[in-house]
mmCIF file of all heavy atoms, coordinates in Angstrom:
data_MODEL
# 
_entry.id   MODEL 
# 
loop_
_atom_site.group_PDB 
_atom_site.id 
_atom_site.type_symbol 
_atom_site.label_atom_id 
_atom_site.label_alt_id 
_atom_site.label_comp_id 
_atom_site.label_asym_id 
_atom_site.label_entity_id 
_atom_site.label_seq_id 
_atom_site.pdbx_PDB_ins_code 
_atom_site.Cartn_x 
_atom_site.Cartn_y 
_atom_site.Cartn_z 
_atom_site.occupancy 
_atom_site.B_iso_or_equiv 
_atom_site.pdbx_formal_charge 
_atom_site.auth_seq_id 
_atom_site.auth_comp_id 
_atom_site.auth_asym_id 
_atom_site.auth_atom_id 
_atom_site.pdbx_PDB_model_num 
ATOM 1   N N   . ASP A 1 1  ? 140.980 85.215 90.533  1.00 0.00 ? 1  ASP A N   1 
ATOM 2   C CA  . ASP A 1 1  ? 141.922 84.209 91.005  1.00 0.00 ? 1  ASP A CA  1 
ATOM 3   C C   . ASP A 1 1  ? 142.541 84.675 92.310  1.00 0.00 ? 1  ASP A C   1 
ATOM 4   O O   . ASP A 1 1  ? 142.531 85.867 92.624  1.00 0.00 ? 1  ASP A O   1 
ATOM 5   C CB  . ASP A 1 1  ? 143.021 83.916 89.979  1.00 0.00 ? 1  ASP A CB  1 
ATOM 6   C CG  . ASP A 1 1  ? 143.576 82.494 90.118  1.00 0.00 ? 1  ASP A CG  1 
ATOM 7   O OD1 . ASP A 1 1  ? 143.247 81.804 91.109  1.00 0.00 ? 1  ASP A OD1 1 
ATOM 8   O OD2 . ASP A 1 1  ? 144.351 82.084 89.246  1.00 0.00 ? 1  ASP A OD2 1 
ATOM 9   N N   . GLU A 1 2  ? 143.045 83.709 93.062  1.00 0.00 ? 2  GLU A N   1 
ATOM 10  C CA  . GLU A 1 2  ? 143.743 83.971 94.322  1.00 0.00 ? 2  GLU A CA  1 
ATOM 11  C C   . GLU A 1 2  ? 145.233 83.753 94.077  1.00 0.00 ? 2  GLU A C   1 
ATOM 12  O O   . GLU A 1 2  ? 145.625 82.771 93.450  1.00 0.00 ? 2  GLU A O   1 
ATOM 13  C CB  . GLU A 1 2  ? 143.236 83.026 95.402  1.00 0.00 ? 2  GLU A CB  1 
ATOM 14  C CG  . GLU A 1 2  ? 143.809 83.300 96.772  1.00 0.00 ? 2  GLU A CG  1 
ATOM 15  C CD  . GLU A 1 2  ? 143.212 82.404 97.847  1.00 0.00 ? 2  GLU A CD  1 
ATOM 16  O OE1 . GLU A 1 2  ? 142.612 81.364 97.516  1.00 0.00 ? 2  GLU A OE1 1 
ATOM 17  O OE2 . GLU A 1 2  ? 143.365 82.755 99.021  1.00 0.00 ? 2  GLU A OE2 1 
ATOM 18  N N   . PHE A 1 3  ? 146.043 84.685 94.549  1.00 0.00 ? 3  PHE A N   1 
ATOM 19  C CA  . PHE A 1 3  ? 147.485 84.663 94.321  1.00 0.00 ? 3  PHE A CA  1 
ATOM 20  C C   . PHE A 1 3  ? 148.251 84.746 95.623  1.00 0.00 ? 3  PHE A C   1 
ATOM 21  O O   . PHE A 1 3  ? 147.747 85.243 96.626  1.00 0.00 ? 3  PHE A O   1 
ATOM 22  C CB  . PHE A 1 3  ? 147.905 85.854 93.441  1.00 0.00 ? 3  PHE A CB  1 
ATOM 23  C CG  . PHE A 1 3  ? 147.275 85.859 92.089  1.00 0.00 ? 3  PHE A CG  1 
ATOM 24  C CD1 . PHE A 1 3  ? 146.090 86.534 91.866  1.00 0.00 ? 3  PHE A CD1 1 
ATOM 25  C CD2 . PHE A 1 3  ? 147.864 85.195 91.023  1.00 0.00 ? 3  PHE A CD2 1 
ATOM 26  C CE1 . PHE A 1 3  ? 145.498 86.553 90.616  1.00 0.00 ? 3  PHE A CE1 1 
ATOM 27  C CE2 . PHE A 1 3  ? 147.295 85.202 89.771  1.00 0.00 ? 3  PHE A CE2 1 
ATOM 28  C CZ  . PHE A 1 3  ? 146.108 85.882 89.564  1.00 0.00 ? 3  PHE A CZ  1 
ATOM 29  N N   . ARG A 1 4  ? 149.507 84.304 95.575  1.00 0.00 ? 4  ARG A N   1 
ATOM 30  C CA  . ARG A 1 4  ? 150.424 84.398 96.716  1.00 0.00 ? 4  ARG A CA  1 
ATOM 31  C C   . ARG A 1 4  ? 151.786 84.859 96.210  1.00 0.00 ? 4  ARG A C   1 
ATOM 32  O O   . ARG A 1 4  ? 152.155 84.591 95.078  1.00 0.00 ? 4  ARG A O   1 
ATOM 33  C CB  . ARG A 1 4  ? 150.571 83.028 97.378  1.00 0.00 ? 4  ARG A CB  1 
ATOM 34  C CG  . ARG A 1 4  ? 151.594 83.044 98.506  1.00 0.00 ? 4  ARG A CG  1 
ATOM 35  C CD  . ARG A 1 4  ? 151.692 81.691 99.207  1.00 0.00 ? 4  ARG A CD  1 
ATOM 36  N NE  . ARG A 1 4  ? 152.717 81.745 100.216 1.00 0.00 ? 4  ARG A NE  1 
ATOM 37  C CZ  . ARG A 1 4  ? 152.551 82.225 101.435 1.00 0.00 ? 4  ARG A CZ  1 
ATOM 38  N NH1 . ARG A 1 4  ? 151.388 82.679 101.811 1.00 0.00 ? 4  ARG A NH1 1 
ATOM 39  N NH2 . ARG A 1 4  ? 153.545 82.240 102.297 1.00 0.00 ? 4  ARG A NH2 1 
ATOM 40  N N   . ARG A 1 5  ? 152.496 85.547 97.074  1.00 0.00 ? 5  ARG A N   1 
ATOM 41  C CA  . ARG A 1 5  ? 153.898 85.866 96.808  1.00 0.00 ? 5  ARG A CA  1 
ATOM 42  C C   . ARG A 1 5  ? 154.669 85.699 98.093  1.00 0.00 ? 5  ARG A C   1 
ATOM 43  O O   . ARG A 1 5  ? 154.149 85.899 99.191  1.00 0.00 ? 5  ARG A O   1 
ATOM 44  C CB  . ARG A 1 5  ? 154.071 87.279 96.270  1.00 0.00 ? 5  ARG A CB  1 
ATOM 45  C CG  . ARG A 1 5  ? 153.822 88.349 97.296  1.00 0.00 ? 5  ARG A CG  1 
ATOM 46  C CD  . ARG A 1 5  ? 154.116 89.716 96.757  1.00 0.00 ? 5  ARG A CD  1 
ATOM 47  N NE  . ARG A 1 5  ? 153.697 90.692 97.753  1.00 0.00 ? 5  ARG A NE  1 
ATOM 48  C CZ  . ARG A 1 5  ? 154.158 91.894 97.829  1.00 0.00 ? 5  ARG A CZ  1 
ATOM 49  N NH1 . ARG A 1 5  ? 155.060 92.307 96.958  1.00 0.00 ? 5  ARG A NH1 1 
ATOM 50  N NH2 . ARG A 1 5  ? 153.743 92.717 98.749  1.00 0.00 ? 5  ARG A NH2 1 
ATOM 51  N N   . ASP A 1 6  ? 155.909 85.288 97.937  1.00 0.00 ? 6  ASP A N   1 
ATOM 52  C CA  . ASP A 1 6  ? 156.805 85.155 99.075  1.00 0.00 ? 6  ASP A CA  1 
ATOM 53  C C   . ASP A 1 6  ? 157.865 86.232 98.932  1.00 0.00 ? 6  ASP A C   1 
ATOM 54  O O   . ASP A 1 6  ? 158.556 86.287 97.918  1.00 0.00 ? 6  ASP A O   1 
ATOM 55  C CB  . ASP A 1 6  ? 157.451 83.766 99.078  1.00 0.00 ? 6  ASP A CB  1 
ATOM 56  C CG  . ASP A 1 6  ? 156.407 82.672 99.247  1.00 0.00 ? 6  ASP A CG  1 
ATOM 57  O OD1 . ASP A 1 6  ? 155.563 82.810 100.150 1.00 0.00 ? 6  ASP A OD1 1 
ATOM 58  O OD2 . ASP A 1 6  ? 156.430 81.700 98.479  1.00 0.00 ? 6  ASP A OD2 1 
ATOM 59  N N   . PRO A 1 7  ? 157.988 87.126 99.916  1.00 0.00 ? 7  PRO A N   1 
ATOM 60  C CA  . PRO A 1 7  ? 158.912 88.258 99.798  1.00 0.00 ? 7  PRO A CA  1 
ATOM 61  C C   . PRO A 1 7  ? 160.350 87.851 99.457  1.00 0.00 ? 7  PRO A C   1 
ATOM 62  O O   . PRO A 1 7  ? 161.041 88.573 98.750  1.00 0.00 ? 7  PRO A O   1 
ATOM 63  C CB  . PRO A 1 7  ? 158.851 88.926 101.174 1.00 0.00 ? 7  PRO A CB  1 
ATOM 64  C CG  . PRO A 1 7  ? 157.530 88.513 101.732 1.00 0.00 ? 7  PRO A CG  1 
ATOM 65  C CD  . PRO A 1 7  ? 157.251 87.152 101.176 1.00 0.00 ? 7  PRO A CD  1 
ATOM 66  N N   . GLU A 1 8  ? 160.786 86.676 99.928  1.00 0.00 ? 8  GLU A N   1 
ATOM 67  C CA  . GLU A 1 8  ? 162.159 86.248 99.655  1.00 0.00 ? 8  GLU A CA  1 
ATOM 68  C C   . GLU A 1 8  ? 162.318 85.653 98.250  1.00 0.00 ? 8  GLU A C   1 
ATOM 69  O O   . GLU A 1 8  ? 163.436 85.438 97.791  1.00 0.00 ? 8  GLU A O   1 
ATOM 70  C CB  . GLU A 1 8  ? 162.618 85.230 100.709 1.00 0.00 ? 8  GLU A CB  1 
ATOM 71  C CG  . GLU A 1 8  ? 161.876 83.915 100.686 1.00 0.00 ? 8  GLU A CG  1 
ATOM 72  C CD  . GLU A 1 8  ? 160.537 83.905 101.428 1.00 0.00 ? 8  GLU A CD  1 
ATOM 73  O OE1 . GLU A 1 8  ? 160.115 84.948 101.973 1.00 0.00 ? 8  GLU A OE1 1 
ATOM 74  O OE2 . GLU A 1 8  ? 159.899 82.851 101.441 1.00 0.00 ? 8  GLU A OE2 1 
ATOM 75  N N   . ASP A 1 9  ? 161.207 85.443 97.551  1.00 0.00 ? 9  ASP A N   1 
ATOM 76  C CA  . ASP A 1 9  ? 161.219 84.851 96.214  1.00 0.00 ? 9  ASP A CA  1 
ATOM 77  C C   . ASP A 1 9  ? 160.921 85.951 95.191  1.00 0.00 ? 9  ASP A C   1 
ATOM 78  O O   . ASP A 1 9  ? 159.820 86.475 95.146  1.00 0.00 ? 9  ASP A O   1 
ATOM 79  C CB  . ASP A 1 9  ? 160.166 83.747 96.139  1.00 0.00 ? 9  ASP A CB  1 
ATOM 80  C CG  . ASP A 1 9  ? 160.156 83.014 94.825  1.00 0.00 ? 9  ASP A CG  1 
ATOM 81  O OD1 . ASP A 1 9  ? 160.763 83.493 93.851  1.00 0.00 ? 9  ASP A OD1 1 
ATOM 82  O OD2 . ASP A 1 9  ? 159.511 81.951 94.769  1.00 0.00 ? 9  ASP A OD2 1 
ATOM 83  N N   . MET A 1 10 ? 161.854 86.277 94.365  1.00 0.00 ? 10 MET A N   1 
ATOM 84  C CA  . MET A 1 10 ? 161.724 87.405 93.443  1.00 0.00 ? 10 MET A CA  1 
ATOM 85  C C   . MET A 1 10 ? 160.856 87.109 92.216  1.00 0.00 ? 10 MET A C   1 
ATOM 86  O O   . MET A 1 10 ? 160.699 87.948 91.347  1.00 0.00 ? 10 MET A O   1 
ATOM 87  C CB  . MET A 1 10 ? 163.115 87.865 92.993  1.00 0.00 ? 10 MET A CB  1 
ATOM 88  C CG  . MET A 1 10 ? 164.011 88.308 94.144  1.00 0.00 ? 10 MET A CG  1 
ATOM 89  S SD  . MET A 1 10 ? 163.235 89.555 95.197  1.00 0.00 ? 10 MET A SD  1 
ATOM 90  C CE  . MET A 1 10 ? 163.398 90.968 94.135  1.00 0.00 ? 10 MET A CE  1 
ATOM 91  N N   . ARG A 1 11 ? 160.251 85.926 92.145  1.00 0.00 ? 11 ARG A N   1 
ATOM 92  C CA  . ARG A 1 11 ? 159.415 85.598 90.983  1.00 0.00 ? 11 ARG A CA  1 
ATOM 93  C C   . ARG A 1 11 ? 158.089 86.327 90.983  1.00 0.00 ? 11 ARG A C   1 
ATOM 94  O O   . ARG A 1 11 ? 157.416 86.399 89.975  1.00 0.00 ? 11 ARG A O   1 
ATOM 95  C CB  . ARG A 1 11 ? 159.181 84.095 90.910  1.00 0.00 ? 11 ARG A CB  1 
ATOM 96  C CG  . ARG A 1 11 ? 160.441 83.334 90.525  1.00 0.00 ? 11 ARG A CG  1 
ATOM 97  C CD  . ARG A 1 11 ? 160.174 81.868 90.456  1.00 0.00 ? 11 ARG A CD  1 
ATOM 98  N NE  . ARG A 1 11 ? 159.965 81.367 91.830  1.00 0.00 ? 11 ARG A NE  1 
ATOM 99  C CZ  . ARG A 1 11 ? 159.650 80.132 92.129  1.00 0.00 ? 11 ARG A CZ  1 
ATOM 100 N NH1 . ARG A 1 11 ? 159.466 79.249 91.177  1.00 0.00 ? 11 ARG A NH1 1 
ATOM 101 N NH2 . ARG A 1 11 ? 159.504 79.750 93.378  1.00 0.00 ? 11 ARG A NH2 1 
ATOM 102 N N   . GLY A 1 12 ? 157.657 86.850 92.122  1.00 0.00 ? 12 GLY A N   1 
ATOM 103 C CA  . GLY A 1 12 ? 156.411 87.613 92.184  1.00 0.00 ? 12 GLY A CA  1 
ATOM 104 C C   . GLY A 1 12 ? 155.204 86.757 92.524  1.00 0.00 ? 12 GLY A C   1 
ATOM 105 O O   . GLY A 1 12 ? 155.318 85.712 93.151  1.00 0.00 ? 12 GLY A O   1 
ATOM 106 N N   . TRP A 1 13 ? 154.035 87.214 92.098  1.00 0.00 ? 13 TRP A N   1 
ATOM 107 C CA  . TRP A 1 13 ? 152.769 86.579 92.427  1.00 0.00 ? 13 TRP A CA  1 
ATOM 108 C C   . TRP A 1 13 ? 152.552 85.325 91.591  1.00 0.00 ? 13 TRP A C   1 
ATOM 109 O O   . TRP A 1 13 ? 152.857 85.298 90.405  1.00 0.00 ? 13 TRP A O   1 
ATOM 110 C CB  . TRP A 1 13 ? 151.617 87.546 92.172  1.00 0.00 ? 13 TRP A CB  1 
ATOM 111 C CG  . TRP A 1 13 ? 151.633 88.744 93.057  1.00 0.00 ? 13 TRP A CG  1 
ATOM 112 C CD1 . TRP A 1 13 ? 152.173 89.966 92.769  1.00 0.00 ? 13 TRP A CD1 1 
ATOM 113 C CD2 . TRP A 1 13 ? 151.082 88.860 94.364  1.00 0.00 ? 13 TRP A CD2 1 
ATOM 114 N NE1 . TRP A 1 13 ? 151.989 90.820 93.819  1.00 0.00 ? 13 TRP A NE1 1 
ATOM 115 C CE2 . TRP A 1 13 ? 151.321 90.173 94.812  1.00 0.00 ? 13 TRP A CE2 1 
ATOM 116 C CE3 . TRP A 1 13 ? 150.406 87.981 95.198  1.00 0.00 ? 13 TRP A CE3 1 
ATOM 117 C CZ2 . TRP A 1 13 ? 150.902 90.622 96.055  1.00 0.00 ? 13 TRP A CZ2 1 
ATOM 118 C CZ3 . TRP A 1 13 ? 149.982 88.436 96.440  1.00 0.00 ? 13 TRP A CZ3 1 
ATOM 119 C CH2 . TRP A 1 13 ? 150.239 89.743 96.859  1.00 0.00 ? 13 TRP A CH2 1 
ATOM 120 N N   . PHE A 1 14 ? 151.960 84.285 92.215  1.00 0.00 ? 14 PHE A N   1 
ATOM 121 C CA  . PHE A 1 14 ? 151.597 83.077 91.477  1.00 0.00 ? 14 PHE A CA  1 
ATOM 122 C C   . PHE A 1 14 ? 150.249 82.572 91.990  1.00 0.00 ? 14 PHE A C   1 
ATOM 123 O O   . PHE A 1 14 ? 149.878 82.790 93.144  1.00 0.00 ? 14 PHE A O   1 
ATOM 124 C CB  . PHE A 1 14 ? 152.678 81.996 91.595  1.00 0.00 ? 14 PHE A CB  1 
ATOM 125 C CG  . PHE A 1 14 ? 153.029 81.616 92.998  1.00 0.00 ? 14 PHE A CG  1 
ATOM 126 C CD1 . PHE A 1 14 ? 152.392 80.554 93.622  1.00 0.00 ? 14 PHE A CD1 1 
ATOM 127 C CD2 . PHE A 1 14 ? 154.010 82.310 93.706  1.00 0.00 ? 14 PHE A CD2 1 
ATOM 128 C CE1 . PHE A 1 14 ? 152.724 80.193 94.930  1.00 0.00 ? 14 PHE A CE1 1 
ATOM 129 C CE2 . PHE A 1 14 ? 154.347 81.961 95.004  1.00 0.00 ? 14 PHE A CE2 1 
ATOM 130 C CZ  . PHE A 1 14 ? 153.694 80.900 95.609  1.00 0.00 ? 14 PHE A CZ  1 
ATOM 131 N N   . SER A 1 15 ? 149.502 81.930 91.109  1.00 0.00 ? 15 SER A N   1 
ATOM 132 C CA  . SER A 1 15 ? 148.166 81.462 91.450  1.00 0.00 ? 15 SER A CA  1 
ATOM 133 C C   . SER A 1 15 ? 148.228 80.339 92.482  1.00 0.00 ? 15 SER A C   1 
ATOM 134 O O   . SER A 1 15 ? 149.015 79.406 92.362  1.00 0.00 ? 15 SER A O   1 
ATOM 135 C CB  . SER A 1 15 ? 147.453 80.955 90.190  1.00 0.00 ? 15 SER A CB  1 
ATOM 136 O OG  . SER A 1 15 ? 146.194 80.406 90.533  1.00 0.00 ? 15 SER A OG  1 
ATOM 137 N N   . ILE A 1 16 ? 147.367 80.457 93.489  1.00 0.00 ? 16 ILE A N   1 
ATOM 138 C CA  . ILE A 1 16 ? 147.189 79.365 94.450  1.00 0.00 ? 16 ILE A CA  1 
ATOM 139 C C   . ILE A 1 16 ? 145.736 78.884 94.442  1.00 0.00 ? 16 ILE A C   1 
ATOM 140 O O   . ILE A 1 16 ? 145.417 77.878 95.047  1.00 0.00 ? 16 ILE A O   1 
ATOM 141 C CB  . ILE A 1 16 ? 147.622 79.757 95.881  1.00 0.00 ? 16 ILE A CB  1 
ATOM 142 C CG1 . ILE A 1 16 ? 146.823 80.940 96.396  1.00 0.00 ? 16 ILE A CG1 1 
ATOM 143 C CG2 . ILE A 1 16 ? 149.115 80.006 95.929  1.00 0.00 ? 16 ILE A CG2 1 
ATOM 144 C CD1 . ILE A 1 16 ? 147.024 81.241 97.878  1.00 0.00 ? 16 ILE A CD1 1 
ATOM 145 N N   . GLY A 1 17 ? 144.881 79.625 93.761  1.00 0.00 ? 17 GLY A N   1 
ATOM 146 C CA  . GLY A 1 17 ? 143.464 79.263 93.731  1.00 0.00 ? 17 GLY A CA  1 
ATOM 147 C C   . GLY A 1 17 ? 143.085 78.498 92.480  1.00 0.00 ? 17 GLY A C   1 
ATOM 148 O O   . GLY A 1 17 ? 142.149 77.708 92.477  1.00 0.00 ? 17 GLY A O   1 
ATOM 149 N N   . TYR A 1 18 ? 143.811 78.755 91.410  1.00 0.00 ? 18 TYR A N   1 
ATOM 150 C CA  . TYR A 1 18 ? 143.555 78.102 90.123  1.00 0.00 ? 18 TYR A CA  1 
ATOM 151 C C   . TYR A 1 18 ? 142.107 78.279 89.666  1.00 0.00 ? 18 TYR A C   1 
ATOM 152 O O   . TYR A 1 18 ? 141.487 77.355 89.160  1.00 0.00 ? 18 TYR A O   1 
ATOM 153 C CB  . TYR A 1 18 ? 143.952 76.619 90.178  1.00 0.00 ? 18 TYR A CB  1 
ATOM 154 C CG  . TYR A 1 18 ? 145.380 76.445 90.621  1.00 0.00 ? 18 TYR A CG  1 
ATOM 155 C CD1 . TYR A 1 18 ? 145.679 75.992 91.900  1.00 0.00 ? 18 TYR A CD1 1 
ATOM 156 C CD2 . TYR A 1 18 ? 146.435 76.779 89.775  1.00 0.00 ? 18 TYR A CD2 1 
ATOM 157 C CE1 . TYR A 1 18 ? 146.997 75.862 92.320  1.00 0.00 ? 18 TYR A CE1 1 
ATOM 158 C CE2 . TYR A 1 18 ? 147.757 76.644 90.178  1.00 0.00 ? 18 TYR A CE2 1 
ATOM 159 C CZ  . TYR A 1 18 ? 148.024 76.192 91.454  1.00 0.00 ? 18 TYR A CZ  1 
ATOM 160 O OH  . TYR A 1 18 ? 149.323 76.067 91.867  1.00 0.00 ? 18 TYR A OH  1 
ATOM 161 N N   . HIS A 1 19 ? 141.601 79.501 89.858  1.00 0.00 ? 19 HIS A N   1 
ATOM 162 C CA  . HIS A 1 19 ? 140.242 79.839 89.425  1.00 0.00 ? 19 HIS A CA  1 
ATOM 163 C C   . HIS A 1 19 ? 140.248 80.698 88.158  1.00 0.00 ? 19 HIS A C   1 
ATOM 164 O O   . HIS A 1 19 ? 139.194 81.064 87.663  1.00 0.00 ? 19 HIS A O   1 
ATOM 165 C CB  . HIS A 1 19 ? 139.506 80.617 90.527  1.00 0.00 ? 19 HIS A CB  1 
ATOM 166 C CG  . HIS A 1 19 ? 139.484 79.920 91.844  1.00 0.00 ? 19 HIS A CG  1 
ATOM 167 N ND1 . HIS A 1 19 ? 138.753 78.767 92.063  1.00 0.00 ? 19 HIS A ND1 1 
ATOM 168 C CD2 . HIS A 1 19 ? 140.104 80.192 93.011  1.00 0.00 ? 19 HIS A CD2 1 
ATOM 169 C CE1 . HIS A 1 19 ? 138.922 78.377 93.319  1.00 0.00 ? 19 HIS A CE1 1 
ATOM 170 N NE2 . HIS A 1 19 ? 139.740 79.222 93.901  1.00 0.00 ? 19 HIS A NE2 1 
ATOM 171 N N   . GLY A 1 20 ? 141.413 81.038 87.658  1.00 0.00 ? 20 GLY A N   1 
ATOM 172 C CA  . GLY A 1 20 ? 141.546 82.018 86.585  1.00 0.00 ? 20 GLY A CA  1 
ATOM 173 C C   . GLY A 1 20 ? 140.898 81.665 85.270  1.00 0.00 ? 20 GLY A C   1 
ATOM 174 O O   . GLY A 1 20 ? 140.648 82.538 84.450  1.00 0.00 ? 20 GLY A O   1 
ATOM 175 N N   . GLU A 1 21 ? 140.593 80.401 85.038  1.00 0.00 ? 21 GLU A N   1 
ATOM 176 C CA  . GLU A 1 21 ? 139.969 80.002 83.776  1.00 0.00 ? 21 GLU A CA  1 
ATOM 177 C C   . GLU A 1 21 ? 138.445 80.073 83.820  1.00 0.00 ? 21 GLU A C   1 
ATOM 178 O O   . GLU A 1 21 ? 137.796 79.999 82.780  1.00 0.00 ? 21 GLU A O   1 
ATOM 179 C CB  . GLU A 1 21 ? 140.416 78.592 83.390  1.00 0.00 ? 21 GLU A CB  1 
ATOM 180 C CG  . GLU A 1 21 ? 141.913 78.494 83.119  1.00 0.00 ? 21 GLU A CG  1 
ATOM 181 C CD  . GLU A 1 21 ? 142.372 79.419 81.998  1.00 0.00 ? 21 GLU A CD  1 
ATOM 182 O OE1 . GLU A 1 21 ? 141.678 79.494 80.955  1.00 0.00 ? 21 GLU A OE1 1 
ATOM 183 O OE2 . GLU A 1 21 ? 143.416 80.078 82.173  1.00 0.00 ? 21 GLU A OE2 1 
ATOM 184 N N   . LYS A 1 22 ? 137.871 80.208 85.016  1.00 0.00 ? 22 LYS A N   1 
ATOM 185 C CA  . LYS A 1 22 ? 136.414 80.322 85.120  1.00 0.00 ? 22 LYS A CA  1 
ATOM 186 C C   . LYS A 1 22 ? 135.980 81.634 84.486  1.00 0.00 ? 22 LYS A C   1 
ATOM 187 O O   . LYS A 1 22 ? 136.633 82.658 84.656  1.00 0.00 ? 22 LYS A O   1 
ATOM 188 C CB  . LYS A 1 22 ? 135.981 80.266 86.588  1.00 0.00 ? 22 LYS A CB  1 
ATOM 189 C CG  . LYS A 1 22 ? 136.277 78.939 87.236  1.00 0.00 ? 22 LYS A CG  1 
ATOM 190 C CD  . LYS A 1 22 ? 135.940 78.946 88.703  1.00 0.00 ? 22 LYS A CD  1 
ATOM 191 C CE  . LYS A 1 22 ? 136.332 77.610 89.341  1.00 0.00 ? 22 LYS A CE  1 
ATOM 192 N NZ  . LYS A 1 22 ? 136.214 77.641 90.785  1.00 0.00 ? 22 LYS A NZ  1 
ATOM 193 N N   . ARG A 1 23 ? 134.869 81.604 83.753  1.00 0.00 ? 23 ARG A N   1 
ATOM 194 C CA  . ARG A 1 23 ? 134.400 82.788 83.029  1.00 0.00 ? 23 ARG A CA  1 
ATOM 195 C C   . ARG A 1 23 ? 133.031 83.218 83.530  1.00 0.00 ? 23 ARG A C   1 
ATOM 196 O O   . ARG A 1 23 ? 132.161 82.384 83.788  1.00 0.00 ? 23 ARG A O   1 
ATOM 197 C CB  . ARG A 1 23 ? 134.339 82.504 81.533  1.00 0.00 ? 23 ARG A CB  1 
ATOM 198 C CG  . ARG A 1 23 ? 135.713 82.278 80.961  1.00 0.00 ? 23 ARG A CG  1 
ATOM 199 C CD  . ARG A 1 23 ? 135.679 82.069 79.448  1.00 0.00 ? 23 ARG A CD  1 
ATOM 200 N NE  . ARG A 1 23 ? 137.035 81.915 78.957  1.00 0.00 ? 23 ARG A NE  1 
ATOM 201 C CZ  . ARG A 1 23 ? 137.829 82.917 78.635  1.00 0.00 ? 23 ARG A CZ  1 
ATOM 202 N NH1 . ARG A 1 23 ? 137.401 84.157 78.732  1.00 0.00 ? 23 ARG A NH1 1 
ATOM 203 N NH2 . ARG A 1 23 ? 139.049 82.685 78.203  1.00 0.00 ? 23 ARG A NH2 1 
ATOM 204 N N   . PHE A 1 24 ? 132.874 84.539 83.615  1.00 0.00 ? 24 PHE A N   1 
ATOM 205 C CA  . PHE A 1 24 ? 131.628 85.139 84.063  1.00 0.00 ? 24 PHE A CA  1 
ATOM 206 C C   . PHE A 1 24 ? 131.251 86.251 83.098  1.00 0.00 ? 24 PHE A C   1 
ATOM 207 O O   . PHE A 1 24 ? 132.124 86.913 82.533  1.00 0.00 ? 24 PHE A O   1 
ATOM 208 C CB  . PHE A 1 24 ? 131.790 85.703 85.486  1.00 0.00 ? 24 PHE A CB  1 
ATOM 209 C CG  . PHE A 1 24 ? 132.212 84.652 86.481  1.00 0.00 ? 24 PHE A CG  1 
ATOM 210 C CD1 . PHE A 1 24 ? 133.562 84.390 86.685  1.00 0.00 ? 24 PHE A CD1 1 
ATOM 211 C CD2 . PHE A 1 24 ? 131.279 83.908 87.167  1.00 0.00 ? 24 PHE A CD2 1 
ATOM 212 C CE1 . PHE A 1 24 ? 133.964 83.407 87.573  1.00 0.00 ? 24 PHE A CE1 1 
ATOM 213 C CE2 . PHE A 1 24 ? 131.666 82.917 88.058  1.00 0.00 ? 24 PHE A CE2 1 
ATOM 214 C CZ  . PHE A 1 24 ? 133.015 82.668 88.268  1.00 0.00 ? 24 PHE A CZ  1 
# 
């Protein structure tokens, strides 16, 4: 999956790719 974080936002990393459910 592809993730993003914004330094000013303390929530941390969040998915921006939404590929995490694909299985290999």
